[in-house]
């Protein structure tokens, strides 16, 4: 089987009074005009259910120094995003109303335009509403062979 290496993203969404999030390793640019991205989320997850109801969300591209944070957002039975971000610099995005992790490589606020069922995942194709921030330099957190590199 081929080995794949992917950048790691934390995707967050606000659902009423709660904030949810997960680690995503299937995230990519789709279009430059308009700027669009794609995030793959397990179809059986509660997060996918919420993303079917809420169109606005945020994606933070994590740096290599944020490995522990990626692990927290990937853990089974994890609590809400506000608890996972306790002690971590973050803020609420003005366009998405989602929590945005600070000190990553970049953070985007997005609006879902299309949902595509693909095997055991749902692909959320979204327009980028705003780049909350883009950091110069930095090393991305990469996942390959089910391990962070």
Protein backbone atom coordinates (compact mmCIF):
# COMPACT_ATOMS: atom_id res chain seq x y z
CA UNK A 1 0.00 0.00 0.00
CA UNK A 2 1.22 3.49 -0.84
CA UNK A 3 2.28 5.83 1.94
CA UNK A 4 0.61 9.18 2.12
CA UNK A 5 1.70 12.24 4.06
CA UNK A 6 -0.81 14.97 4.78
CA UNK A 7 -0.90 18.26 6.62
CA UNK A 8 -2.97 18.36 9.79
CA UNK A 9 -5.90 20.72 10.34
CA UNK A 10 -8.21 21.34 13.30
CA UNK A 11 -11.76 21.96 12.06
CA UNK A 12 -14.15 23.72 14.45
CA UNK A 13 -17.83 24.63 14.27
CA UNK A 14 -20.28 26.28 16.66
CA UNK A 15 -23.51 24.36 17.24
CA UNK A 16 -25.88 26.55 19.17
CA UNK A 17 -24.28 26.98 22.56
CA UNK A 18 -21.56 24.34 22.12
CA UNK A 19 -18.34 24.28 20.10
CA UNK A 20 -17.15 21.12 18.38
CA UNK A 21 -13.92 20.24 16.67
CA UNK A 22 -11.85 17.44 15.24
CA UNK A 23 -8.47 16.77 13.71
CA UNK A 24 -8.69 16.45 9.92
CA UNK A 25 -5.94 14.99 7.75
CA UNK A 26 -7.90 15.16 4.49
CA UNK A 27 -8.00 18.88 3.70
CA UNK A 28 -7.08 20.55 0.43
CA UNK A 29 -7.45 23.55 -1.81
CA UNK A 30 -10.06 23.08 -4.55
CA UNK A 31 -10.26 26.41 -6.36
CA UNK A 32 -8.49 29.74 -6.48
CA UNK A 33 -11.42 31.73 -7.88
CA UNK A 34 -13.45 31.70 -5.82
CA UNK A 35 -11.13 30.38 -3.11
CA UNK A 36 -12.48 26.98 -2.04
CA UNK A 37 -11.29 24.11 0.14
CA UNK A 38 -12.41 20.56 0.85
CA UNK A 39 -12.48 18.79 4.23
CA UNK A 40 -13.29 15.09 4.64
CA UNK A 41 -15.10 14.15 7.87
CA UNK A 42 -16.26 10.69 8.97
CA UNK A 43 -19.93 10.43 7.99
CA UNK A 44 -20.82 8.58 11.20
CA UNK A 45 -19.45 11.35 13.45
CA UNK A 46 -21.54 13.83 15.37
CA UNK A 47 -19.41 16.56 13.80
CA UNK A 48 -20.60 15.52 10.31
CA UNK A 49 -24.18 15.69 11.57
CA UNK A 50 -23.57 19.24 12.82
CA UNK A 51 -21.85 20.25 9.56
CA UNK A 52 -25.00 19.17 7.71
CA UNK A 53 -26.91 21.77 9.77
CA UNK A 54 -24.27 24.50 10.07
CA UNK A 55 -22.63 25.93 6.97
CA UNK A 56 -19.99 28.11 8.68
CA UNK A 57 -16.82 26.62 10.18
CA UNK A 58 -13.11 27.28 10.64
CA UNK A 59 -9.99 25.30 9.74
CA UNK A 60 -6.60 25.91 11.33
CA UNK A 61 -3.51 24.46 9.66
CA UNK A 62 -1.36 23.27 12.55
CA UNK A 63 2.36 23.77 12.96
CA UNK A 64 4.75 21.04 14.07
CA UNK A 65 4.75 22.55 17.58
CA UNK A 66 1.00 21.75 17.93
CA UNK A 67 1.22 17.95 17.91
CA UNK A 68 -0.37 17.58 21.37
CA UNK A 69 -3.31 19.75 20.30
CA UNK A 70 -3.89 17.58 17.22
CA UNK A 71 -3.92 14.52 19.47
CA UNK A 72 -6.49 16.06 21.81
CA UNK A 73 -8.82 16.88 18.91
CA UNK A 74 -8.42 13.35 17.49
CA UNK A 75 -9.15 11.43 20.73
CA UNK A 76 -12.27 9.25 20.96
CA UNK A 77 -14.92 10.60 23.32
CA UNK A 78 -13.29 14.03 23.39
CA UNK A 79 -15.06 16.91 25.13
CA UNK A 80 -16.15 20.11 23.40
CA UNK A 81 -13.69 22.40 21.65
CA UNK A 82 -13.78 25.04 24.41
CA UNK A 83 -12.46 22.49 26.90
CA UNK A 84 -9.85 21.18 24.43
CA UNK A 85 -8.61 24.74 23.89
CA UNK A 86 -8.44 25.65 27.58
CA UNK A 87 -5.00 27.15 28.13
CA UNK A 88 -4.38 27.46 24.37
CA UNK A 89 -4.53 30.86 22.65
CA UNK A 90 -7.73 31.04 20.59
CA UNK A 91 -10.52 33.39 19.60
CA UNK A 92 -13.92 33.29 17.92
CA UNK A 93 -13.95 34.00 14.19
CA UNK A 94 -16.13 36.95 13.18
CA UNK A 95 -17.32 35.29 9.93
CA UNK A 96 -17.79 31.68 11.08
CA UNK A 97 -18.51 32.16 14.79
CA UNK A 98 -16.24 29.11 15.27
CA UNK A 99 -13.31 28.90 17.65
CA UNK A 100 -10.01 29.57 15.92
CA UNK A 101 -6.76 28.16 17.22
CA UNK A 102 -4.00 30.77 17.32
CA UNK A 103 -0.33 30.20 16.59
CA UNK A 104 -0.94 27.78 13.74
CA UNK A 105 0.36 28.29 10.21
CA UNK A 106 -2.94 29.62 8.87
CA UNK A 107 -6.60 29.75 9.74
CA UNK A 108 -9.54 29.99 7.35
CA UNK A 109 -13.19 30.78 7.91
CA UNK A 110 -15.35 28.81 5.51
CA UNK A 111 -18.92 28.36 4.27
CA UNK A 112 -20.01 24.97 2.95
CA UNK A 113 -21.25 25.10 -0.65
CA UNK A 114 -21.56 21.37 -1.37
CA UNK A 115 -21.63 18.06 0.49
CA UNK A 116 -20.56 14.84 -1.22
CA UNK A 117 -20.87 11.36 0.26
CA UNK A 118 -17.67 9.41 -0.43
CA UNK A 119 -17.43 5.98 1.16
CA UNK A 120 -17.37 6.33 4.94
CA UNK A 121 -16.68 10.09 4.77
CA UNK A 122 -18.54 13.22 3.75
CA UNK A 123 -16.63 15.77 1.71
CA UNK A 124 -17.49 19.34 2.67
CA UNK A 125 -16.60 21.68 -0.19
CA UNK A 126 -16.51 25.23 1.12
CA UNK A 127 -15.80 28.75 -0.01
CA UNK A 128 -13.14 30.55 2.03
CA UNK A 129 -14.80 33.64 3.47
CA UNK A 130 -11.68 34.98 5.16
CA UNK A 131 -8.12 34.09 6.04
CA UNK A 132 -8.15 34.83 9.76
CA UNK A 133 -4.35 34.77 9.72
CA UNK A 134 -1.44 33.39 7.72
CA UNK A 135 1.93 33.00 9.45
CA UNK A 136 5.22 33.42 7.66
CA UNK A 137 7.53 30.43 7.81
CA UNK A 138 6.97 27.67 10.31
CA UNK A 139 6.98 23.92 9.83
CA UNK A 140 3.64 22.19 9.23
CA UNK A 141 2.49 19.26 11.33
CA UNK A 142 2.40 16.24 8.99
CA UNK A 143 0.77 12.84 9.44
CA UNK A 144 2.02 9.74 7.62
CA UNK A 145 1.48 6.04 8.34
CA UNK A 146 -0.93 6.99 11.15
CA UNK A 147 1.77 8.94 13.00
CA UNK A 148 2.57 12.60 13.36
CA UNK A 149 5.91 13.52 11.80
